[in-house]
Amino acid sequence: MSDGWIALHRKIYNSSDFNNQLEVAVFLYLVAMASHKTTQVTYRKKKIILERGEISIAYRDLANKFNLSTQNIITIIKNLKKSGNLKQKLNKNLSIYTIVKYSKYQDIEPASKQKLTDRTTTITNYTTSIDKNKVKISNMTKKPKPILAKFRSLQSKIIEPVKIKNEWEMGKEKLDAQDYERWVLHKLNS
């Protein structure tokens, strides 16, 4: 899977679920590449259906991704299964890994569960101050709106106006440096 996003907390790097940063890196790769919805994929010439939070990848392919030995990857996967972060099952002689808490890494909590903090947000012509449980809205002085250039279409060509050159610019283009200097002196004297 190469589209979409995952949400992770920075504390994952200090989690006791992982023995080292390499295990974290492999786990994050598996989370990022896991299927975000039920989908059919072809892996190693076999069609398999992956559920949400599942990924199918061979030890040697994962080892190549991280430039490690296959034995190192086997140990890392074993540790991830032991810590309860990963489950493994076989399907058509392929290993399918399930990210145990996939929804935790993929879904964002609804706004109603988010904590209110002390902050001030400016929206259009109003200031909203949120101070724990009190909400205040006050008028601000109107600021002039910036004038933005209007474009007809992003696909239209930008046509530069033709610059009309004065006689000095034309003389500089047509004459070499010595002749231009003599010409300028002649113009200034006349």
N, C-alpha and C. Protein backbone atom coordinates (compact mmCIF):
# COMPACT_ATOMS: atom_id res chain seq x y z
N MET A 1 0.85 -1.17 0.00
CA MET A 1 0.00 0.00 0.00
C MET A 1 0.90 1.23 0.00
N SER A 2 0.67 2.14 -0.90
CA SER A 2 1.54 3.31 -0.97
C SER A 2 0.79 4.63 -0.83
N ASP A 3 -0.48 4.58 -0.49
CA ASP A 3 -1.21 5.82 -0.30
C ASP A 3 -1.79 5.86 1.10
N GLY A 4 -2.21 7.03 1.54
CA GLY A 4 -2.79 7.17 2.86
C GLY A 4 -1.75 7.60 3.88
N TRP A 5 -2.09 7.45 5.14
CA TRP A 5 -1.25 7.92 6.22
C TRP A 5 -1.41 7.03 7.43
N ILE A 6 -0.53 7.19 8.39
CA ILE A 6 -0.66 6.52 9.68
C ILE A 6 -0.38 7.57 10.75
N ALA A 7 -0.95 7.38 11.92
CA ALA A 7 -0.73 8.30 13.03
C ALA A 7 0.05 7.58 14.12
N LEU A 8 1.14 8.16 14.53
CA LEU A 8 1.98 7.54 15.55
C LEU A 8 2.35 8.57 16.61
N HIS A 9 2.48 8.09 17.82
CA HIS A 9 2.95 8.96 18.89
C HIS A 9 4.46 8.82 18.99
N ARG A 10 5.11 9.89 19.37
CA ARG A 10 6.58 9.86 19.48
C ARG A 10 7.06 8.88 20.55
N LYS A 11 6.19 8.56 21.49
CA LYS A 11 6.58 7.64 22.57
C LYS A 11 6.88 6.24 22.05
N ILE A 12 6.51 5.93 20.82
CA ILE A 12 6.75 4.59 20.29
C ILE A 12 8.24 4.26 20.32
N TYR A 13 9.09 5.29 20.21
CA TYR A 13 10.53 5.05 20.20
C TYR A 13 11.07 4.71 21.59
N ASN A 14 10.28 4.97 22.62
CA ASN A 14 10.70 4.65 23.98
C ASN A 14 9.88 3.51 24.57
N SER A 15 9.06 2.86 23.77
CA SER A 15 8.17 1.81 24.25
C SER A 15 8.96 0.57 24.69
N SER A 16 8.48 -0.04 25.75
CA SER A 16 9.13 -1.26 26.24
C SER A 16 8.76 -2.48 25.39
N ASP A 17 7.85 -2.30 24.42
CA ASP A 17 7.47 -3.39 23.52
C ASP A 17 8.60 -3.77 22.56
N PHE A 18 9.55 -2.87 22.38
CA PHE A 18 10.61 -3.10 21.40
C PHE A 18 11.96 -3.18 22.09
N ASN A 19 12.81 -4.07 21.60
CA ASN A 19 14.13 -4.26 22.17
C ASN A 19 15.14 -3.21 21.68
N ASN A 20 14.93 -2.71 20.45
CA ASN A 20 15.85 -1.74 19.89
C ASN A 20 15.15 -0.94 18.79
N GLN A 21 15.85 0.06 18.28
CA GLN A 21 15.27 0.94 17.27
C GLN A 21 15.05 0.23 15.93
N LEU A 22 15.81 -0.81 15.67
CA LEU A 22 15.61 -1.57 14.44
C LEU A 22 14.26 -2.28 14.46
N GLU A 23 13.87 -2.81 15.61
CA GLU A 23 12.54 -3.42 15.73
C GLU A 23 11.44 -2.38 15.51
N VAL A 24 11.65 -1.18 16.03
CA VAL A 24 10.68 -0.10 15.83
C VAL A 24 10.57 0.21 14.34
N ALA A 25 11.70 0.30 13.67
CA ALA A 25 11.71 0.63 12.23
C ALA A 25 10.98 -0.43 11.41
N VAL A 26 11.24 -1.70 11.70
CA VAL A 26 10.57 -2.78 10.97
C VAL A 26 9.08 -2.75 11.27
N PHE A 27 8.72 -2.55 12.53
CA PHE A 27 7.30 -2.49 12.89
C PHE A 27 6.60 -1.33 12.18
N LEU A 28 7.23 -0.15 12.18
CA LEU A 28 6.63 1.00 11.52
C LEU A 28 6.46 0.76 10.02
N TYR A 29 7.42 0.08 9.42
CA TYR A 29 7.30 -0.26 8.00
C TYR A 29 6.09 -1.17 7.78
N LEU A 30 5.93 -2.17 8.64
CA LEU A 30 4.79 -3.08 8.50
C LEU A 30 3.46 -2.34 8.69
N VAL A 31 3.42 -1.42 9.66
CA VAL A 31 2.19 -0.63 9.88
C VAL A 31 1.89 0.23 8.66
N ALA A 32 2.92 0.89 8.13
CA ALA A 32 2.72 1.79 6.99
C ALA A 32 2.31 1.04 5.73
N MET A 33 2.79 -0.17 5.55
CA MET A 33 2.50 -0.92 4.34
C MET A 33 1.28 -1.84 4.47
N ALA A 34 0.72 -1.95 5.67
CA ALA A 34 -0.45 -2.81 5.88
C ALA A 34 -1.65 -2.27 5.12
N SER A 35 -2.52 -3.15 4.75
CA SER A 35 -3.73 -2.77 4.01
C SER A 35 -4.65 -1.96 4.92
N HIS A 36 -5.15 -0.83 4.42
CA HIS A 36 -6.04 0.00 5.24
C HIS A 36 -7.50 -0.39 5.07
N LYS A 37 -7.77 -1.29 4.12
CA LYS A 37 -9.12 -1.82 3.93
C LYS A 37 -8.98 -3.21 3.30
N THR A 38 -10.07 -3.97 3.34
CA THR A 38 -10.03 -5.30 2.73
C THR A 38 -9.74 -5.16 1.25
N THR A 39 -8.74 -5.88 0.79
CA THR A 39 -8.32 -5.76 -0.61
C THR A 39 -7.67 -7.05 -1.08
N GLN A 40 -7.76 -7.28 -2.38
CA GLN A 40 -7.11 -8.45 -2.96
C GLN A 40 -5.80 -8.00 -3.59
N VAL A 41 -4.72 -8.71 -3.26
CA VAL A 41 -3.40 -8.38 -3.79
C VAL A 41 -2.78 -9.63 -4.39
N THR A 42 -1.82 -9.41 -5.26
CA THR A 42 -1.04 -10.50 -5.81
C THR A 42 0.37 -10.35 -5.27
N TYR A 43 0.82 -11.37 -4.55
CA TYR A 43 2.15 -11.35 -3.98
C TYR A 43 2.81 -12.68 -4.28
N ARG A 44 3.96 -12.62 -4.90
CA ARG A 44 4.69 -13.81 -5.31
C ARG A 44 3.81 -14.74 -6.16
N LYS A 45 3.13 -14.14 -7.11
CA LYS A 45 2.27 -14.83 -8.08
C LYS A 45 1.09 -15.55 -7.44
N LYS A 46 0.70 -15.14 -6.24
CA LYS A 46 -0.45 -15.74 -5.57
C LYS A 46 -1.41 -14.62 -5.19
N LYS A 47 -2.68 -14.82 -5.51
CA LYS A 47 -3.69 -13.83 -5.14
C LYS A 47 -4.19 -14.15 -3.75
N ILE A 48 -4.15 -13.14 -2.89
CA ILE A 48 -4.62 -13.31 -1.52
C ILE A 48 -5.47 -12.10 -1.14
N ILE A 49 -6.34 -12.31 -0.19
CA ILE A 49 -7.17 -11.22 0.31
C ILE A 49 -6.61 -10.79 1.66
N LEU A 50 -6.31 -9.51 1.75
CA LEU A 50 -5.80 -8.95 3.00
C LEU A 50 -6.91 -8.15 3.65
N GLU A 51 -7.09 -8.38 4.93
CA GLU A 51 -8.06 -7.61 5.71
C GLU A 51 -7.38 -6.33 6.19
N ARG A 52 -8.14 -5.45 6.75
CA ARG A 52 -7.61 -4.20 7.31
C ARG A 52 -6.53 -4.53 8.35
N GLY A 53 -5.37 -3.90 8.21
CA GLY A 53 -4.28 -4.09 9.17
C GLY A 53 -3.41 -5.30 8.89
N GLU A 54 -3.54 -5.90 7.72
CA GLU A 54 -2.73 -7.07 7.38
C GLU A 54 -1.76 -6.74 6.26
N ILE A 55 -0.63 -7.45 6.28
CA ILE A 55 0.38 -7.32 5.24
C ILE A 55 0.98 -8.70 5.01
N SER A 56 1.30 -8.98 3.76
CA SER A 56 1.98 -10.23 3.42
C SER A 56 3.33 -9.87 2.83
N ILE A 57 4.38 -10.37 3.48
CA ILE A 57 5.73 -10.09 2.99
C ILE A 57 6.63 -11.22 3.46
N ALA A 58 7.51 -11.67 2.60
CA ALA A 58 8.43 -12.76 2.93
C ALA A 58 9.60 -12.22 3.76
N TYR A 59 10.17 -13.11 4.57
CA TYR A 59 11.32 -12.72 5.38
C TYR A 59 12.43 -12.13 4.51
N ARG A 60 12.73 -12.78 3.40
CA ARG A 60 13.86 -12.31 2.58
C ARG A 60 13.57 -10.95 1.93
N ASP A 61 12.28 -10.69 1.57
CA ASP A 61 11.94 -9.38 1.01
C ASP A 61 12.09 -8.29 2.06
N LEU A 62 11.66 -8.60 3.28
CA LEU A 62 11.79 -7.65 4.38
C LEU A 62 13.27 -7.44 4.73
N ALA A 63 14.04 -8.51 4.69
CA ALA A 63 15.48 -8.42 4.95
C ALA A 63 16.16 -7.54 3.91
N ASN A 64 15.76 -7.67 2.65
CA ASN A 64 16.33 -6.84 1.59
C ASN A 64 15.98 -5.36 1.78
N LYS A 65 14.77 -5.09 2.24
CA LYS A 65 14.35 -3.70 2.48
C LYS A 65 15.25 -3.01 3.49
N PHE A 66 15.63 -3.75 4.53
CA PHE A 66 16.42 -3.17 5.61
C PHE A 66 17.90 -3.55 5.53
N ASN A 67 18.29 -4.22 4.46
CA ASN A 67 19.68 -4.61 4.27
C ASN A 67 20.18 -5.43 5.47
N LEU A 68 19.37 -6.39 5.88
CA LEU A 68 19.69 -7.26 7.01
C LEU A 68 19.70 -8.71 6.53
N SER A 69 20.17 -9.59 7.40
CA SER A 69 20.11 -11.02 7.08
C SER A 69 18.70 -11.52 7.36
N THR A 70 18.33 -12.60 6.72
CA THR A 70 17.01 -13.19 6.93
C THR A 70 16.86 -13.62 8.39
N GLN A 71 17.92 -14.11 9.00
CA GLN A 71 17.87 -14.53 10.40
C GLN A 71 17.56 -13.36 11.32
N ASN A 72 18.12 -12.18 11.03
CA ASN A 72 17.81 -10.98 11.83
C ASN A 72 16.33 -10.64 11.74
N ILE A 73 15.77 -10.72 10.55
CA ILE A 73 14.34 -10.41 10.37
C ILE A 73 13.48 -11.45 11.09
N ILE A 74 13.86 -12.70 11.01
CA ILE A 74 13.10 -13.74 11.72
C ILE A 74 13.08 -13.46 13.21
N THR A 75 14.23 -13.05 13.77
CA THR A 75 14.31 -12.71 15.19
C THR A 75 13.44 -11.50 15.52
N ILE A 76 13.48 -10.49 14.68
CA ILE A 76 12.68 -9.28 14.91
C ILE A 76 11.19 -9.61 14.87
N ILE A 77 10.76 -10.38 13.88
CA ILE A 77 9.34 -10.77 13.77
C ILE A 77 8.94 -11.60 15.00
N LYS A 78 9.82 -12.49 15.43
CA LYS A 78 9.55 -13.32 16.61
C LYS A 78 9.35 -12.42 17.85
N ASN A 79 10.20 -11.40 18.01
CA ASN A 79 10.07 -10.47 19.14
C ASN A 79 8.80 -9.64 19.05
N LEU A 80 8.43 -9.23 17.84
CA LEU A 80 7.20 -8.45 17.66
C LEU A 80 5.96 -9.29 17.98
N LYS A 81 6.00 -10.57 17.63
CA LYS A 81 4.89 -11.47 17.97
C LYS A 81 4.85 -11.71 19.48
N LYS A 82 6.02 -11.88 20.08
CA LYS A 82 6.11 -12.13 21.52
C LYS A 82 5.59 -10.94 22.33
N SER A 83 5.84 -9.71 21.86
CA SER A 83 5.40 -8.51 22.58
C SER A 83 3.91 -8.21 22.34
N GLY A 84 3.27 -8.97 21.44
CA GLY A 84 1.85 -8.79 21.20
C GLY A 84 1.52 -7.71 20.18
N ASN A 85 2.50 -7.23 19.44
CA ASN A 85 2.27 -6.21 18.42
C ASN A 85 1.91 -6.81 17.06
N LEU A 86 2.22 -8.08 16.87
CA LEU A 86 2.06 -8.71 15.57
C LEU A 86 1.53 -10.12 15.74
N LYS A 87 0.66 -10.53 14.82
CA LYS A 87 0.21 -11.91 14.74
C LYS A 87 0.55 -12.42 13.36
N GLN A 88 0.78 -13.72 13.26
CA GLN A 88 1.17 -14.30 11.98
C GLN A 88 0.27 -15.50 11.67
N LYS A 89 -0.15 -15.59 10.40
CA LYS A 89 -0.89 -16.76 9.95
C LYS A 89 -0.42 -17.10 8.54
N LEU A 90 -0.69 -18.33 8.13
CA LEU A 90 -0.29 -18.77 6.80
C LEU A 90 -1.50 -18.81 5.88
N ASN A 91 -1.30 -18.39 4.63
CA ASN A 91 -2.33 -18.46 3.60
C ASN A 91 -1.62 -18.75 2.29
N LYS A 92 -1.89 -19.91 1.70
CA LYS A 92 -1.25 -20.32 0.44
C LYS A 92 0.27 -20.29 0.57
N ASN A 93 0.78 -20.80 1.66
CA ASN A 93 2.21 -20.85 1.96
C ASN A 93 2.86 -19.48 2.04
N LEU A 94 2.06 -18.44 2.25
CA LEU A 94 2.59 -17.09 2.47
C LEU A 94 2.25 -16.67 3.89
N SER A 95 3.17 -15.97 4.52
CA SER A 95 2.89 -15.43 5.85
C SER A 95 2.10 -14.15 5.72
N ILE A 96 1.03 -14.05 6.50
CA ILE A 96 0.26 -12.82 6.58
C ILE A 96 0.39 -12.33 8.01
N TYR A 97 0.86 -11.10 8.15
CA TYR A 97 1.04 -10.50 9.47
C TYR A 97 -0.11 -9.55 9.73
N THR A 98 -0.64 -9.61 10.94
CA THR A 98 -1.70 -8.71 11.37
C THR A 98 -1.13 -7.77 12.41
N ILE A 99 -1.29 -6.48 12.18
CA ILE A 99 -0.89 -5.47 13.16
C ILE A 99 -1.98 -5.45 14.22
N VAL A 100 -1.66 -5.85 15.44
CA VAL A 100 -2.66 -6.06 16.48
C VAL A 100 -3.45 -4.79 16.78
N LYS A 101 -2.78 -3.68 16.96
CA LYS A 101 -3.47 -2.42 17.30
C LYS A 101 -3.49 -1.48 16.10
N TYR A 102 -3.81 -2.01 14.93
CA TYR A 102 -3.75 -1.23 13.69
C TYR A 102 -4.62 0.02 13.75
N SER A 103 -5.82 -0.10 14.29
CA SER A 103 -6.73 1.05 14.35
C SER A 103 -6.15 2.18 15.20
N LYS A 104 -5.35 1.81 16.18
CA LYS A 104 -4.71 2.83 17.02
C LYS A 104 -3.74 3.67 16.19
N TYR A 105 -3.10 3.06 15.21
CA TYR A 105 -2.13 3.77 14.37
C TYR A 105 -2.78 4.42 13.16
N GLN A 106 -3.97 4.01 12.81
CA GLN A 106 -4.61 4.49 11.59
C GLN A 106 -5.70 5.52 11.85
N ASP A 107 -6.48 5.35 12.89
CA ASP A 107 -7.65 6.19 13.12
C ASP A 107 -7.32 7.35 14.05
N ILE A 108 -8.00 8.46 13.81
CA ILE A 108 -7.88 9.62 14.69
C ILE A 108 -9.13 9.67 15.54
N GLU A 109 -8.97 9.99 16.83
CA GLU A 109 -10.12 10.06 17.72
C GLU A 109 -11.04 11.20 17.28
N PRO A 110 -12.36 11.03 17.45
CA PRO A 110 -13.28 12.11 17.11
C PRO A 110 -12.99 13.36 17.93
N ALA A 111 -13.34 14.49 17.39
CA ALA A 111 -13.03 15.78 18.03
C ALA A 111 -13.64 15.89 19.41
N SER A 112 -14.77 15.21 19.67
CA SER A 112 -15.42 15.32 20.97
C SER A 112 -14.57 14.73 22.10
N LYS A 113 -13.64 13.83 21.77
CA LYS A 113 -12.80 13.22 22.79
C LYS A 113 -11.52 14.00 23.03
N GLN A 114 -11.26 15.00 22.19
CA GLN A 114 -10.03 15.76 22.35
C GLN A 114 -10.16 16.71 23.54
N LYS A 115 -9.05 16.93 24.23
CA LYS A 115 -9.04 17.80 25.39
C LYS A 115 -8.97 19.25 24.94
N LEU A 116 -9.67 20.12 25.69
CA LEU A 116 -9.56 21.54 25.44
C LEU A 116 -8.33 22.05 26.16
N THR A 117 -7.59 22.90 25.50
CA THR A 117 -6.39 23.47 26.10
C THR A 117 -6.49 24.98 26.04
N ASP A 118 -5.63 25.65 26.77
CA ASP A 118 -5.60 27.11 26.72
C ASP A 118 -5.04 27.52 25.37
N ARG A 119 -5.84 28.20 24.58
CA ARG A 119 -5.37 28.65 23.27
C ARG A 119 -6.25 29.77 22.77
N THR A 120 -5.74 30.51 21.83
CA THR A 120 -6.51 31.57 21.17
C THR A 120 -6.42 31.33 19.68
N THR A 121 -7.57 31.32 19.03
CA THR A 121 -7.62 31.08 17.60
C THR A 121 -8.28 32.27 16.93
N THR A 122 -7.66 32.81 15.89
CA THR A 122 -8.25 33.92 15.16
C THR A 122 -8.91 33.37 13.90
N ILE A 123 -10.21 33.63 13.77
CA ILE A 123 -10.96 33.17 12.61
C ILE A 123 -11.67 34.39 12.03
N THR A 124 -11.45 34.67 10.78
CA THR A 124 -12.04 35.81 10.07
C THR A 124 -11.92 37.08 10.92
N ASN A 125 -13.03 37.58 11.45
CA ASN A 125 -13.00 38.82 12.21
C ASN A 125 -13.32 38.61 13.69
N TYR A 126 -13.16 37.42 14.19
CA TYR A 126 -13.48 37.13 15.58
C TYR A 126 -12.32 36.43 16.25
N THR A 127 -12.16 36.63 17.54
CA THR A 127 -11.18 35.90 18.32
C THR A 127 -11.95 34.98 19.27
N THR A 128 -11.58 33.72 19.26
CA THR A 128 -12.21 32.75 20.15
C THR A 128 -11.16 32.33 21.15
N SER A 129 -11.44 32.53 22.42
CA SER A 129 -10.53 32.10 23.47
C SER A 129 -11.16 30.93 24.18
N ILE A 130 -10.43 29.84 24.29
CA ILE A 130 -10.93 28.66 24.99
C ILE A 130 -10.09 28.52 26.25
N ASP A 131 -10.73 28.68 27.38
CA ASP A 131 -10.05 28.58 28.66
C ASP A 131 -10.75 27.48 29.44
N LYS A 132 -10.26 26.25 29.31
CA LYS A 132 -10.85 25.03 29.89
C LYS A 132 -12.32 24.90 29.48
N ASN A 133 -13.27 25.34 30.29
CA ASN A 133 -14.68 25.12 29.98
C ASN A 133 -15.43 26.39 29.57
N LYS A 134 -14.76 27.54 29.49
CA LYS A 134 -15.42 28.79 29.11
C LYS A 134 -15.03 29.16 27.69
N VAL A 135 -16.00 29.61 26.92
CA VAL A 135 -15.73 30.04 25.55
C VAL A 135 -16.16 31.48 25.42
N LYS A 136 -15.27 32.35 24.96
CA LYS A 136 -15.57 33.76 24.78
C LYS A 136 -15.37 34.11 23.31
N ILE A 137 -16.29 34.87 22.75
CA ILE A 137 -16.15 35.34 21.38
C ILE A 137 -16.23 36.86 21.42
N SER A 138 -15.26 37.53 20.85
CA SER A 138 -15.28 38.99 20.86
C SER A 138 -14.99 39.51 19.46
N ASN A 139 -15.54 40.69 19.12
CA ASN A 139 -15.30 41.29 17.82
C ASN A 139 -13.89 41.84 17.76
N MET A 140 -13.32 41.77 16.62
CA MET A 140 -12.01 42.37 16.38
C MET A 140 -12.22 43.54 15.44
N THR A 141 -11.25 44.41 15.40
CA THR A 141 -11.34 45.48 14.41
C THR A 141 -11.16 44.84 13.05
N LYS A 142 -11.91 45.33 12.08
CA LYS A 142 -11.84 44.74 10.74
C LYS A 142 -10.51 45.10 10.10
N LYS A 143 -9.87 44.09 9.60
CA LYS A 143 -8.62 44.28 8.89
C LYS A 143 -8.93 44.30 7.40
N PRO A 144 -8.22 45.10 6.64
CA PRO A 144 -8.48 45.09 5.20
C PRO A 144 -8.10 43.74 4.61
N LYS A 145 -8.94 43.27 3.71
CA LYS A 145 -8.65 42.00 3.05
C LYS A 145 -7.56 42.22 2.01
N PRO A 146 -6.63 41.31 1.94
CA PRO A 146 -5.58 41.47 0.93
C PRO A 146 -6.17 41.31 -0.47
N ILE A 147 -5.66 42.08 -1.39
CA ILE A 147 -6.13 41.99 -2.77
C ILE A 147 -5.29 40.94 -3.47
N LEU A 148 -5.95 39.92 -3.96
CA LEU A 148 -5.25 38.85 -4.65
C LEU A 148 -5.52 38.95 -6.14
N ALA A 149 -4.52 38.66 -6.89
CA ALA A 149 -4.70 38.64 -8.34
C ALA A 149 -5.66 37.52 -8.71
N LYS A 150 -6.51 37.77 -9.68
CA LYS A 150 -7.46 36.74 -10.12
C LYS A 150 -6.90 36.07 -11.36
N PHE A 151 -6.93 34.76 -11.35
CA PHE A 151 -6.47 33.99 -12.49
C PHE A 151 -7.66 33.37 -13.18
N ARG A 152 -7.62 33.38 -14.50
CA ARG A 152 -8.72 32.77 -15.25
C ARG A 152 -8.68 31.26 -15.14
N SER A 153 -7.53 30.70 -15.27
CA SER A 153 -7.39 29.25 -15.22
C SER A 153 -5.94 28.93 -14.93
N LEU A 154 -5.72 27.84 -14.21
CA LEU A 154 -4.34 27.44 -13.95
C LEU A 154 -3.67 26.89 -15.20
N GLN A 155 -4.50 26.52 -16.18
CA GLN A 155 -3.94 25.97 -17.41
C GLN A 155 -3.69 27.05 -18.45
N SER A 156 -4.14 28.26 -18.22
CA SER A 156 -3.93 29.32 -19.20
C SER A 156 -2.48 29.77 -19.16
N LYS A 157 -2.01 30.26 -20.29
CA LYS A 157 -0.63 30.71 -20.38
C LYS A 157 -0.49 32.09 -19.77
N ILE A 158 0.63 32.33 -19.16
CA ILE A 158 0.93 33.66 -18.66
C ILE A 158 1.69 34.36 -19.77
N ILE A 159 1.13 35.46 -20.24
CA ILE A 159 1.73 36.19 -21.35
C ILE A 159 2.37 37.45 -20.79
N GLU A 160 3.68 37.53 -20.96
CA GLU A 160 4.42 38.69 -20.50
C GLU A 160 4.19 39.83 -21.48
N PRO A 161 3.97 41.04 -20.98
CA PRO A 161 3.82 42.17 -21.91
C PRO A 161 5.14 42.41 -22.64
N VAL A 162 5.04 42.83 -23.87
CA VAL A 162 6.23 43.10 -24.67
C VAL A 162 6.88 44.36 -24.13
N LYS A 163 8.15 44.26 -23.82
CA LYS A 163 8.87 45.40 -23.27
C LYS A 163 9.40 46.24 -24.42
N ILE A 164 9.08 47.51 -24.37
CA ILE A 164 9.57 48.42 -25.39
C ILE A 164 10.90 48.98 -24.90
N LYS A 165 11.91 48.80 -25.72
CA LYS A 165 13.25 49.22 -25.33
C LYS A 165 13.49 50.66 -25.77
N ASN A 166 14.21 51.39 -24.93
CA ASN A 166 14.58 52.75 -25.32
C ASN A 166 15.84 52.70 -26.18
N GLU A 167 16.24 53.86 -26.70
CA GLU A 167 17.38 53.87 -27.62
C GLU A 167 18.68 53.44 -26.95
N TRP A 168 18.82 53.67 -25.64
CA TRP A 168 20.02 53.30 -24.92
C TRP A 168 20.15 51.78 -24.85
N GLU A 169 19.03 51.09 -24.54
CA GLU A 169 19.04 49.63 -24.46
C GLU A 169 19.28 49.01 -25.82
N MET A 170 18.67 49.59 -26.87
CA MET A 170 18.88 49.05 -28.22
C MET A 170 20.32 49.25 -28.65
N GLY A 171 20.90 50.42 -28.32
CA GLY A 171 22.29 50.68 -28.66
C GLY A 171 23.24 49.71 -27.98
N LYS A 172 22.95 49.38 -26.72
CA LYS A 172 23.80 48.45 -25.97
C LYS A 172 23.76 47.06 -26.57
N GLU A 173 22.58 46.67 -27.08
CA GLU A 173 22.44 45.34 -27.69
C GLU A 173 23.15 45.25 -29.03
N LYS A 174 23.09 46.33 -29.84
CA LYS A 174 23.60 46.27 -31.20
C LYS A 174 25.10 46.54 -31.29
N LEU A 175 25.64 47.33 -30.38
CA LEU A 175 27.04 47.75 -30.47
C LEU A 175 27.91 46.97 -29.49
N ASP A 176 29.19 46.85 -29.87
CA ASP A 176 30.11 46.24 -28.91
C ASP A 176 30.46 47.28 -27.85
N ALA A 177 31.21 46.89 -26.82
CA ALA A 177 31.45 47.74 -25.66
C ALA A 177 32.12 49.06 -26.02
N GLN A 178 33.14 49.05 -26.89
CA GLN A 178 33.86 50.28 -27.24
C GLN A 178 32.97 51.22 -28.06
N ASP A 179 32.27 50.66 -29.06
CA ASP A 179 31.40 51.48 -29.89
C ASP A 179 30.26 52.07 -29.06
N TYR A 180 29.74 51.28 -28.10
CA TYR A 180 28.65 51.76 -27.26
C TYR A 180 29.14 52.92 -26.38
N GLU A 181 30.34 52.80 -25.86
CA GLU A 181 30.88 53.86 -25.02
C GLU A 181 31.04 55.15 -25.84
N ARG A 182 31.56 55.05 -27.07
CA ARG A 182 31.71 56.22 -27.93
C ARG A 182 30.34 56.81 -28.28
N TRP A 183 29.41 55.94 -28.54
CA TRP A 183 28.06 56.40 -28.89
C TRP A 183 27.41 57.15 -27.73
N VAL A 184 27.57 56.62 -26.49
CA VAL A 184 27.03 57.27 -25.31
C VAL A 184 27.66 58.64 -25.12
N LEU A 185 28.97 58.73 -25.24
CA LEU A 185 29.65 60.01 -25.11
C LEU A 185 29.16 61.02 -26.16
N HIS A 186 28.96 60.53 -27.39
CA HIS A 186 28.46 61.39 -28.46
C HIS A 186 27.05 61.89 -28.10
N LYS A 187 26.19 61.00 -27.59
CA LYS A 187 24.81 61.39 -27.23
C LYS A 187 24.81 62.39 -26.09
N LEU A 188 25.68 62.18 -25.11
CA LEU A 188 25.72 63.07 -23.97
C LEU A 188 26.24 64.47 -24.34
N ASN A 189 27.16 64.51 -25.27
CA ASN A 189 27.74 65.78 -25.71
C ASN A 189 26.81 66.54 -26.63
N SER A 190 25.92 65.87 -27.31
CA SER A 190 25.06 66.58 -28.24
C SER A 190 23.80 67.08 -27.63
